[in-house]
Protein backbone atom coordinates (compact mmCIF):
# COMPACT_ATOMS: atom_id res chain seq x y z
CA MET A 1 -4.46 -3.44 3.24
CA PHE A 2 -3.23 -0.67 1.11
CA PHE A 3 -1.07 -0.11 -2.02
CA ASP A 4 2.49 0.89 -1.72
CA ASP A 5 1.95 3.26 -4.57
CA ASN A 6 -1.55 4.15 -5.39
CA SER A 7 -0.78 7.11 -7.88
CA ASP A 8 -1.87 5.11 -10.95
CA PHE A 9 -5.46 3.62 -10.28
CA ALA A 10 -5.26 1.59 -13.51
CA TYR A 11 -2.22 -0.27 -11.99
CA CYS A 12 -4.00 -0.83 -8.65
CA LYS A 13 -7.12 -2.11 -10.41
CA GLN A 14 -5.03 -4.48 -12.53
CA TRP A 15 -3.33 -6.02 -9.40
CA TRP A 16 -6.78 -6.55 -7.74
CA THR A 17 -8.59 -7.93 -10.73
CA PRO A 18 -7.44 -11.60 -10.18
CA CYS A 19 -8.17 -11.73 -6.70
CA VAL A 20 -11.72 -10.08 -7.06
CA ALA A 21 -12.54 -12.54 -10.00
CA ALA A 22 -11.75 -15.50 -7.88
CA THR A 23 -13.67 -14.12 -4.83
CA LEU A 24 -16.86 -13.16 -6.84
CA SER A 25 -17.48 -16.70 -7.84
CA PHE A 26 -18.16 -17.58 -4.32
CA TYR A 27 -20.72 -14.85 -3.57
CA LEU A 28 -23.66 -17.34 -3.28
CA ASN A 29 -22.09 -18.76 -0.21
CA LEU A 30 -22.52 -15.36 1.53
CA THR A 31 -26.44 -15.33 0.95
CA PRO A 32 -27.32 -16.91 4.40
CA ALA A 33 -25.42 -14.12 6.03
CA LEU A 34 -26.81 -11.35 3.79
CA SER A 35 -30.36 -12.52 3.58
CA ALA A 36 -33.23 -10.84 5.72
CA GLY A 37 -31.85 -10.95 9.34
CA GLY A 38 -28.73 -12.88 8.49
CA LEU A 39 -26.28 -10.12 9.75
CA ASP A 40 -28.36 -10.33 13.01
CA SER A 41 -27.18 -13.87 13.57
CA LYS A 42 -23.61 -14.22 14.56
CA ALA A 43 -23.65 -17.81 13.73
CA LYS A 44 -24.86 -17.36 10.26
CA VAL A 45 -22.17 -14.84 9.46
CA GLU A 46 -19.48 -17.15 11.12
CA ASP A 47 -20.62 -19.92 8.96
CA ALA A 48 -20.57 -17.88 5.80
CA VAL A 49 -17.04 -16.49 6.65
CA LYS A 50 -15.68 -19.89 7.33
CA THR A 51 -17.01 -21.33 4.12
CA ILE A 52 -15.43 -18.56 2.13
CA GLU A 53 -12.18 -18.82 3.86
CA ALA A 54 -12.13 -22.53 3.16
CA LEU A 55 -12.84 -22.00 -0.56
CA MET A 56 -10.35 -19.23 -0.77
CA ASN A 57 -7.67 -21.37 0.96
CA ALA A 58 -8.43 -24.06 -1.73
CA VAL A 59 -8.11 -21.69 -4.64
CA ILE A 60 -5.17 -19.55 -3.57
CA PRO A 61 -2.56 -22.10 -4.37
CA THR A 62 -3.87 -22.36 -7.93
CA ILE A 63 -3.99 -18.64 -8.44
CA ALA A 64 -0.86 -17.65 -6.67
CA PRO A 65 1.01 -16.61 -9.74
CA GLN A 66 -1.76 -14.20 -10.64
CA LEU A 67 -1.62 -12.71 -7.13
CA HIS A 68 2.10 -12.10 -7.26
CA ASP A 69 1.64 -8.45 -8.21
CA LEU A 70 -0.99 -7.85 -5.66
CA ARG A 71 1.20 -9.25 -2.86
CA GLN A 72 4.18 -7.24 -4.15
CA HIS A 73 2.34 -3.86 -4.18
CA THR A 74 0.20 -4.14 -0.95
CA LYS A 75 0.93 -3.88 2.60
CA LEU A 76 -1.34 -4.91 5.58
CA SER A 77 -2.57 -1.93 7.54
CA LYS A 78 -1.76 -1.84 11.16
């Protein structure tokens, strides 16, 4: 993902802030994958990713208005 115009870092940061704020609240769900040896276990990593994905899918409809600017100013890299 990249910004369509990254000439003003303050704007880019402003667009990402709601997304990062929502995501950070789920960091504890990554603990099993990040604990000692966790990244060595594909199953632990997949479980953690699935958990975060499910939580984000539940939250995104609620924070969609705050993500409008981020969606308008970013593009997926190919």
